[in-house]
Amino acid sequence: MKFHLITLFPEACDAYLSASIIGRARKEKKISIKYQKPRDFVAGPAGSYKKVDDKPYGGGPGMVMAALPIIKAVEKAINAKGRPWQKVKAKNGKRPLVVWFRPGAKQFTNKDADKLAEYDEVVLVCGRYEGIDERAKKILKTLAPVKEFAVGEAVYTGGEVPALAIVDAVTRRLPGVLGKDASVEERRIASSSVYTRPETILYKKKNYKVPAVLRTGHHAKINAWRKQK
């Protein structure tokens, strides 16, 4: 599965996406991560500062990212061989999906992660500042399916954190990434309260023990306890 991140700060993303389970999935070629920087699609002399934002029409604080660098970055991500974008399809017949982040949009869920895992290619557009010129989204919708999501109820300084969350949530669902399908918590009875060895921890003269039911080996009782938790 291919993830394309449209971001001004690929280095901020790659540290997380190169570590632990996600990093291993990349090494084993279960996923690939590609980056496109909008600044690379702004005309200007080599080495010069390439501006990707400007003041908002109608006034207001902050800056707005320009539409065309975003559009060109997404085109580059998916249309690497120069084919008309409308003809680009994955092996399963699905066209690449573009994910657009917007506070107030539908909250991203495990069900959404399952649906995204069906695609061969997903493009994650990471906005910054006051957001992206709305015309970028309008144009992208003429070229490919676009889904809008919010990841959590907080507002972030950019779309990179939500993009990392989606890559993580989708990747762990792919066959072989976690080793066993049962490792995906939401596909089994799981609890937010978990324990490991040793059985008893002594801290400031007080013993903290693992709940007795987890030491019984009685799976029905353990599952009932986990459901209660």
C-alpha atoms as a PDB file:
ATOM      1  CA  MET A   1       0.000   0.000   0.000  1.00  0.00           C
ATOM      2  CA  LYS A   2       1.291   3.450  -0.913  1.00  0.00           C
ATOM      3  CA  PHE A   3       0.840   6.544   1.228  1.00  0.00           C
ATOM      4  CA  HIS A   4       1.647   9.931  -0.299  1.00  0.00           C
ATOM      5  CA  LEU A   5       2.028  12.796   2.161  1.00  0.00           C
ATOM      6  CA  ILE A   6       1.708  16.310   0.789  1.00  0.00           C
ATOM      7  CA  THR A   7       3.582  18.304   3.408  1.00  0.00           C
ATOM      8  CA  LEU A   8       5.954  21.205   3.936  1.00  0.00           C
ATOM      9  CA  PHE A   9       7.732  19.203   6.648  1.00  0.00           C
ATOM     10  CA  PRO A  10       8.504  15.621   5.542  1.00  0.00           C
ATOM     11  CA  GLU A  11      11.312  15.390   8.103  1.00  0.00           C
ATOM     12  CA  ALA A  12       8.769  15.854  10.904  1.00  0.00           C
ATOM     13  CA  CYS A  13       6.772  12.913   9.599  1.00  0.00           C
ATOM     14  CA  ASP A  14       9.570  10.544   8.666  1.00  0.00           C
ATOM     15  CA  ALA A  15      10.980  10.242  12.175  1.00  0.00           C
ATOM     16  CA  TYR A  16       7.733   8.667  13.374  1.00  0.00           C
ATOM     17  CA  LEU A  17       7.109   6.660  10.208  1.00  0.00           C
ATOM     18  CA  SER A  18      10.600   5.118  10.340  1.00  0.00           C
ATOM     19  CA  ALA A  19      10.271   3.760  13.879  1.00  0.00           C
ATOM     20  CA  SER A  20       8.753   0.680  15.501  1.00  0.00           C
ATOM     21  CA  ILE A  21       5.983  -1.250  13.742  1.00  0.00           C
ATOM     22  CA  ILE A  22       5.458   1.300  10.961  1.00  0.00           C
ATOM     23  CA  GLY A  23       9.180   1.429  10.233  1.00  0.00           C
ATOM     24  CA  ARG A  24       9.317  -2.367  10.065  1.00  0.00           C
ATOM     25  CA  ALA A  25       6.330  -2.436   7.694  1.00  0.00           C
ATOM     26  CA  ARG A  26       8.233  -0.056   5.397  1.00  0.00           C
ATOM     27  CA  LYS A  27      11.386  -2.190   5.496  1.00  0.00           C
ATOM     28  CA  GLU A  28       9.359  -5.293   4.692  1.00  0.00           C
ATOM     29  CA  LYS A  29       7.663  -3.384   1.821  1.00  0.00           C
ATOM     30  CA  LYS A  30       4.175  -3.870   3.192  1.00  0.00           C
ATOM     31  CA  ILE A  31       3.747  -0.102   2.804  1.00  0.00           C
ATOM     32  CA  SER A  32       5.640   2.689   1.110  1.00  0.00           C
ATOM     33  CA  ILE A  33       5.746   6.334   2.157  1.00  0.00           C
ATOM     34  CA  LYS A  34       6.362   9.074  -0.385  1.00  0.00           C
ATOM     35  CA  TYR A  35       6.497  12.830   0.166  1.00  0.00           C
ATOM     36  CA  GLN A  36       5.735  15.780  -2.050  1.00  0.00           C
ATOM     37  CA  LYS A  37       6.616  19.290  -0.871  1.00  0.00           C
ATOM     38  CA  PRO A  38       4.360  22.060  -2.219  1.00  0.00           C
ATOM     39  CA  ARG A  39       7.363  24.427  -2.337  1.00  0.00           C
ATOM     40  CA  ASP A  40       8.859  22.236  -5.076  1.00  0.00           C
ATOM     41  CA  PHE A  41       5.990  23.273  -7.333  1.00  0.00           C
ATOM     42  CA  VAL A  42       6.493  27.022  -6.996  1.00  0.00           C
ATOM     43  CA  ALA A  43       8.472  28.753  -9.752  1.00  0.00           C
ATOM     44  CA  GLY A  44      11.645  30.564  -8.762  1.00  0.00           C
ATOM     45  CA  PRO A  45      15.452  30.463  -9.006  1.00  0.00           C
ATOM     46  CA  ALA A  46      17.206  27.515  -7.423  1.00  0.00           C
ATOM     47  CA  GLY A  47      17.964  28.179  -3.789  1.00  0.00           C
ATOM     48  CA  SER A  48      15.473  31.025  -3.520  1.00  0.00           C
ATOM     49  CA  TYR A  49      12.688  31.090  -0.962  1.00  0.00           C
ATOM     50  CA  LYS A  50       9.522  29.792  -2.596  1.00  0.00           C
ATOM     51  CA  LYS A  51       6.382  31.195  -1.053  1.00  0.00           C
ATOM     52  CA  VAL A  52       3.389  28.883  -0.731  1.00  0.00           C
ATOM     53  CA  ASP A  53       1.054  31.110   1.283  1.00  0.00           C
ATOM     54  CA  ASP A  54      -0.531  34.560   1.191  1.00  0.00           C
ATOM     55  CA  LYS A  55      -2.976  36.777   3.065  1.00  0.00           C
ATOM     56  CA  PRO A  56      -6.608  35.640   3.152  1.00  0.00           C
ATOM     57  CA  TYR A  57      -9.199  37.406   1.042  1.00  0.00           C
ATOM     58  CA  GLY A  58     -11.731  39.162   3.267  1.00  0.00           C
ATOM     59  CA  GLY A  59      -9.134  39.865   5.924  1.00  0.00           C
ATOM     60  CA  GLY A  60      -8.341  38.032   9.121  1.00  0.00           C
ATOM     61  CA  PRO A  61      -5.258  36.738  10.909  1.00  0.00           C
ATOM     62  CA  GLY A  62      -2.714  34.283   9.582  1.00  0.00           C
ATOM     63  CA  MET A  63      -1.886  33.089   6.102  1.00  0.00           C
ATOM     64  CA  VAL A  64      -3.568  30.707   3.655  1.00  0.00           C
ATOM     65  CA  MET A  65      -1.746  28.066   1.596  1.00  0.00           C
ATOM     66  CA  ALA A  66      -2.077  28.612  -2.168  1.00  0.00           C
ATOM     67  CA  ALA A  67      -4.121  26.129  -4.209  1.00  0.00           C
ATOM     68  CA  LEU A  68      -1.887  25.393  -7.199  1.00  0.00           C
ATOM     69  CA  PRO A  69       1.190  24.079  -5.332  1.00  0.00           C
ATOM     70  CA  ILE A  70      -1.089  21.641  -3.495  1.00  0.00           C
ATOM     71  CA  ILE A  71      -2.818  20.510  -6.690  1.00  0.00           C
ATOM     72  CA  LYS A  72       0.478  20.025  -8.533  1.00  0.00           C
ATOM     73  CA  ALA A  73       1.951  18.105  -5.597  1.00  0.00           C
ATOM     74  CA  VAL A  74      -1.000  15.698  -5.552  1.00  0.00           C
ATOM     75  CA  GLU A  75      -0.810  15.266  -9.336  1.00  0.00           C
ATOM     76  CA  LYS A  76       2.885  14.432  -9.050  1.00  0.00           C
ATOM     77  CA  ALA A  77       2.226  11.936  -6.274  1.00  0.00           C
ATOM     78  CA  ILE A  78      -0.248   9.858  -8.247  1.00  0.00           C
ATOM     79  CA  ASN A  79       0.562  10.626 -11.858  1.00  0.00           C
ATOM     80  CA  ALA A  80       4.250   9.776 -11.794  1.00  0.00           C
ATOM     81  CA  LYS A  81       4.199   8.166 -15.267  1.00  0.00           C
ATOM     82  CA  GLY A  82       2.395  11.018 -16.958  1.00  0.00           C
ATOM     83  CA  ARG A  83      -0.899   9.215 -17.494  1.00  0.00           C
ATOM     84  CA  PRO A  84      -4.164  11.145 -17.469  1.00  0.00           C
ATOM     85  CA  TRP A  85      -5.101  11.092 -13.816  1.00  0.00           C
ATOM     86  CA  GLN A  86      -8.651   9.934 -14.479  1.00  0.00           C
ATOM     87  CA  LYS A  87      -7.212   6.681 -15.888  1.00  0.00           C
ATOM     88  CA  VAL A  88      -5.005   5.918 -12.902  1.00  0.00           C
ATOM     89  CA  LYS A  89      -6.448   2.927 -11.086  1.00  0.00           C
ATOM     90  CA  ALA A  90      -5.193   0.465  -8.527  1.00  0.00           C
ATOM     91  CA  LYS A  91      -5.083  -3.298  -9.013  1.00  0.00           C
ATOM     92  CA  ASN A  92      -8.447  -3.608  -7.279  1.00  0.00           C
ATOM     93  CA  GLY A  93     -10.007  -1.115  -9.687  1.00  0.00           C
ATOM     94  CA  LYS A  94     -10.217   1.709  -7.167  1.00  0.00           C
ATOM     95  CA  ARG A  95      -8.790   5.081  -8.074  1.00  0.00           C
ATOM     96  CA  PRO A  96      -6.324   6.591  -5.599  1.00  0.00           C
ATOM     97  CA  LEU A  97      -8.039   8.336  -2.700  1.00  0.00           C
ATOM     98  CA  VAL A  98      -7.261  11.870  -1.513  1.00  0.00           C
ATOM     99  CA  VAL A  99      -7.742  12.585   2.205  1.00  0.00           C
ATOM    100  CA  TRP A 100      -8.399  16.194   3.197  1.00  0.00           C
ATOM    101  CA  PHE A 101      -8.271  17.298   6.832  1.00  0.00           C
ATOM    102  CA  ARG A 102     -10.751  19.801   8.223  1.00  0.00           C
ATOM    103  CA  PRO A 103     -11.721  20.571  11.834  1.00  0.00           C
ATOM    104  CA  GLY A 104     -15.401  19.816  12.161  1.00  0.00           C
ATOM    105  CA  ALA A 105     -15.392  17.129   9.466  1.00  0.00           C
ATOM    106  CA  LYS A 106     -16.410  13.525  10.156  1.00  0.00           C
ATOM    107  CA  GLN A 107     -14.289  12.030  12.913  1.00  0.00           C
ATOM    108  CA  PHE A 108     -11.925   9.337  11.633  1.00  0.00           C
ATOM    109  CA  THR A 109     -12.810   5.923  13.112  1.00  0.00           C
ATOM    110  CA  ASN A 110     -11.654   2.310  13.008  1.00  0.00           C
ATOM    111  CA  LYS A 111     -14.315   1.618  10.367  1.00  0.00           C
ATOM    112  CA  ASP A 112     -12.844   4.370   8.209  1.00  0.00           C
ATOM    113  CA  ALA A 113      -9.389   2.835   8.670  1.00  0.00           C
ATOM    114  CA  ASP A 114     -10.740  -0.513   7.459  1.00  0.00           C
ATOM    115  CA  LYS A 115     -12.172   1.149   4.342  1.00  0.00           C
ATOM    116  CA  LEU A 116      -8.937   3.015   3.596  1.00  0.00           C
ATOM    117  CA  ALA A 117      -7.012  -0.259   3.902  1.00  0.00           C
ATOM    118  CA  GLU A 118      -8.841  -1.437   0.782  1.00  0.00           C
ATOM    119  CA  TYR A 119      -7.059   1.158  -1.358  1.00  0.00           C
ATOM    120  CA  ASP A 120      -3.658   0.662  -2.957  1.00  0.00           C
ATOM    121  CA  GLU A 121      -2.861   4.381  -2.806  1.00  0.00           C
ATOM    122  CA  VAL A 122      -3.923   7.117  -0.415  1.00  0.00           C
ATOM    123  CA  VAL A 123      -2.850  10.762  -0.634  1.00  0.00           C
ATOM    124  CA  LEU A 124      -2.882  12.730   2.635  1.00  0.00           C
ATOM    125  CA  VAL A 125      -2.945  16.497   2.187  1.00  0.00           C
ATOM    126  CA  CYS A 126      -1.379  18.252   5.178  1.00  0.00           C
ATOM    127  CA  GLY A 127      -2.423  21.876   5.427  1.00  0.00           C
ATOM    128  CA  ARG A 128      -0.760  24.574   7.523  1.00  0.00           C
ATOM    129  CA  TYR A 129      -1.418  28.071   8.846  1.00  0.00           C
ATOM    130  CA  GLU A 130      -5.083  29.097   8.419  1.00  0.00           C
ATOM    131  CA  GLY A 131      -5.685  26.273   5.946  1.00  0.00           C
ATOM    132  CA  ILE A 132      -5.580  25.686   2.189  1.00  0.00           C
ATOM    133  CA  ASP A 133      -7.299  27.765  -0.490  1.00  0.00           C
ATOM    134  CA  GLU A 134     -10.691  26.028  -0.891  1.00  0.00           C
ATOM    135  CA  ARG A 135     -10.288  25.940  -4.658  1.00  0.00           C
ATOM    136  CA  ALA A 136      -7.635  23.226  -4.267  1.00  0.00           C
ATOM    137  CA  LYS A 137     -10.194  20.827  -2.828  1.00  0.00           C
ATOM    138  CA  LYS A 138     -12.754  21.786  -5.467  1.00  0.00           C
ATOM    139  CA  ILE A 139     -10.305  21.032  -8.287  1.00  0.00           C
ATOM    140  CA  LEU A 140      -9.036  17.816  -6.709  1.00  0.00           C
ATOM    141  CA  LYS A 141     -12.598  16.516  -6.555  1.00  0.00           C
ATOM    142  CA  THR A 142     -12.752  16.701 -10.351  1.00  0.00           C
ATOM    143  CA  LEU A 143      -9.723  14.435 -10.561  1.00  0.00           C
ATOM    144  CA  ALA A 144     -10.084  11.858  -7.791  1.00  0.00           C
ATOM    145  CA  PRO A 145     -12.304  10.828  -4.862  1.00  0.00           C
ATOM    146  CA  VAL A 146     -11.777  13.093  -1.851  1.00  0.00           C
ATOM    147  CA  LYS A 147     -12.717  12.195   1.719  1.00  0.00           C
ATOM    148  CA  GLU A 148     -12.683  14.752   4.520  1.00  0.00           C
ATOM    149  CA  PHE A 149     -11.789  13.752   8.065  1.00  0.00           C
ATOM    150  CA  ALA A 150     -11.051  15.252  11.450  1.00  0.00           C
ATOM    151  CA  VAL A 151      -8.725  13.316  13.737  1.00  0.00           C
ATOM    152  CA  GLY A 152      -9.701  14.169  17.283  1.00  0.00           C
ATOM    153  CA  GLU A 153     -11.609  17.234  18.386  1.00  0.00           C
ATOM    154  CA  ALA A 154      -8.573  19.468  18.891  1.00  0.00           C
ATOM    155  CA  VAL A 155      -7.205  21.863  16.264  1.00  0.00           C
ATOM    156  CA  TYR A 156      -3.547  21.260  15.315  1.00  0.00           C
ATOM    157  CA  THR A 157      -0.943  23.552  13.795  1.00  0.00           C
ATOM    158  CA  GLY A 158      -0.903  21.378  10.689  1.00  0.00           C
ATOM    159  CA  GLY A 159      -2.241  18.236   9.050  1.00  0.00           C
ATOM    160  CA  GLU A 160       0.872  16.183   9.752  1.00  0.00           C
ATOM    161  CA  VAL A 161      -0.296  14.809  13.115  1.00  0.00           C
ATOM    162  CA  PRO A 162      -3.680  13.642  11.717  1.00  0.00           C
ATOM    163  CA  ALA A 163      -1.894  12.168   8.673  1.00  0.00           C
ATOM    164  CA  LEU A 164       0.470  10.163  10.893  1.00  0.00           C
ATOM    165  CA  ALA A 165      -2.489   8.899  12.906  1.00  0.00           C
ATOM    166  CA  ILE A 166      -4.225   7.671   9.753  1.00  0.00           C
ATOM    167  CA  VAL A 167      -1.111   5.974   8.353  1.00  0.00           C
ATOM    168  CA  ASP A 168      -0.661   4.237  11.705  1.00  0.00           C
ATOM    169  CA  ALA A 169      -4.295   3.152  12.025  1.00  0.00           C
ATOM    170  CA  VAL A 170      -4.475   1.825   8.465  1.00  0.00           C
ATOM    171  CA  THR A 171      -1.055   0.144   8.415  1.00  0.00           C
ATOM    172  CA  ARG A 172      -1.700  -1.956  11.518  1.00  0.00           C
ATOM    173  CA  ARG A 173      -4.708  -3.476   9.721  1.00  0.00           C
ATOM    174  CA  LEU A 174      -2.712  -4.739   6.759  1.00  0.00           C
ATOM    175  CA  PRO A 175      -1.985  -8.493   6.688  1.00  0.00           C
ATOM    176  CA  GLY A 176       1.233  -9.428   8.432  1.00  0.00           C
ATOM    177  CA  VAL A 177       2.018  -6.014   9.926  1.00  0.00           C
ATOM    178  CA  LEU A 178       1.127  -7.008  13.508  1.00  0.00           C
ATOM    179  CA  GLY A 179       1.934 -10.680  12.982  1.00  0.00           C
ATOM    180  CA  LYS A 180      -1.541 -11.920  13.936  1.00  0.00           C
ATOM    181  CA  ASP A 181      -4.966 -10.534  13.099  1.00  0.00           C
ATOM    182  CA  ALA A 182      -5.859 -10.950  16.791  1.00  0.00           C
ATOM    183  CA  SER A 183      -3.314  -8.245  17.600  1.00  0.00           C
ATOM    184  CA  VAL A 184      -5.733  -5.643  16.250  1.00  0.00           C
ATOM    185  CA  GLU A 185      -7.491  -4.807  19.528  1.00  0.00           C
ATOM    186  CA  GLU A 186     -10.820  -3.740  18.058  1.00  0.00           C
ATOM    187  CA  ARG A 187     -11.230  -7.149  16.404  1.00  0.00           C
ATOM    188  CA  ARG A 188     -11.263  -8.941  19.748  1.00  0.00           C
ATOM    189  CA  ILE A 189     -12.343  -8.400  23.327  1.00  0.00           C
ATOM    190  CA  ALA A 190      -9.806  -5.971  24.752  1.00  0.00           C
ATOM    191  CA  SER A 191      -9.503  -3.736  27.765  1.00  0.00           C
ATOM    192  CA  SER A 192      -7.706  -0.450  28.305  1.00  0.00           C
ATOM    193  CA  SER A 193      -6.402  -1.959  31.552  1.00  0.00           C
ATOM    194  CA  VAL A 194      -3.493  -4.301  30.812  1.00  0.00           C
ATOM    195  CA  TYR A 195      -0.835  -5.961  32.976  1.00  0.00           C
ATOM    196  CA  THR A 196       2.454  -7.831  32.602  1.00  0.00           C
ATOM    197  CA  ARG A 197       5.145  -9.410  34.785  1.00  0.00           C
ATOM    198  CA  PRO A 198       5.943  -9.301  37.656  1.00  0.00           C
ATOM    199  CA  GLU A 199       2.731 -10.410  39.327  1.00  0.00           C
ATOM    200  CA  THR A 200       3.342  -8.121  42.326  1.00  0.00           C
ATOM    201  CA  ILE A 201       4.998  -4.707  42.370  1.00  0.00           C
ATOM    202  CA  LEU A 202       6.240  -3.317  45.673  1.00  0.00           C
ATOM    203  CA  TYR A 203       6.207   0.486  45.804  1.00  0.00           C
ATOM    204  CA  LYS A 204       6.654   2.468  49.012  1.00  0.00           C
ATOM    205  CA  LYS A 205       5.851  -0.546  51.191  1.00  0.00           C
ATOM    206  CA  LYS A 206       2.609  -1.263  49.335  1.00  0.00           C
ATOM    207  CA  ASN A 207       1.930  -4.234  47.063  1.00  0.00           C
ATOM    208  CA  TYR A 208       0.214  -3.729  43.714  1.00  0.00           C
ATOM    209  CA  LYS A 209      -1.033  -7.026  42.257  1.00  0.00           C
ATOM    210  CA  VAL A 210      -2.347  -8.202  38.928  1.00  0.00           C
ATOM    211  CA  PRO A 211      -6.135  -8.808  39.180  1.00  0.00           C
ATOM    212  CA  ALA A 212      -6.776 -12.372  40.257  1.00  0.00           C
ATOM    213  CA  VAL A 213      -9.072 -13.161  37.327  1.00  0.00           C
ATOM    214  CA  LEU A 214      -6.236 -12.605  34.844  1.00  0.00           C
ATOM    215  CA  ARG A 215      -4.200 -15.284  36.629  1.00  0.00           C
ATOM    216  CA  THR A 216      -6.916 -17.963  36.458  1.00  0.00           C
ATOM    217  CA  GLY A 217      -6.466 -19.006  32.828  1.00  0.00           C
ATOM    218  CA  HIS A 218     -10.289 -19.089  32.577  1.00  0.00           C
ATOM    219  CA  HIS A 219     -10.886 -17.404  29.204  1.00  0.00           C
ATOM    220  CA  ALA A 220     -14.627 -16.881  29.623  1.00  0.00           C
ATOM    221  CA  LYS A 221     -14.126 -15.114  32.954  1.00  0.00           C
ATOM    222  CA  ILE A 222     -11.223 -13.100  31.582  1.00  0.00           C
ATOM    223  CA  ASN A 223     -13.288 -11.963  28.572  1.00  0.00           C
ATOM    224  CA  ALA A 224     -16.167 -11.023  30.878  1.00  0.00           C
ATOM    225  CA  TRP A 225     -13.756  -8.949  32.966  1.00  0.00           C
ATOM    226  CA  ARG A 226     -12.386  -7.251  29.857  1.00  0.00           C
ATOM    227  CA  LYS A 227     -15.893  -6.430  28.629  1.00  0.00           C
ATOM    228  CA  GLN A 228     -16.704  -4.895  32.010  1.00  0.00           C
ATOM    229  CA  LYS A 229     -13.557  -2.762  31.819  1.00  0.00           C
END
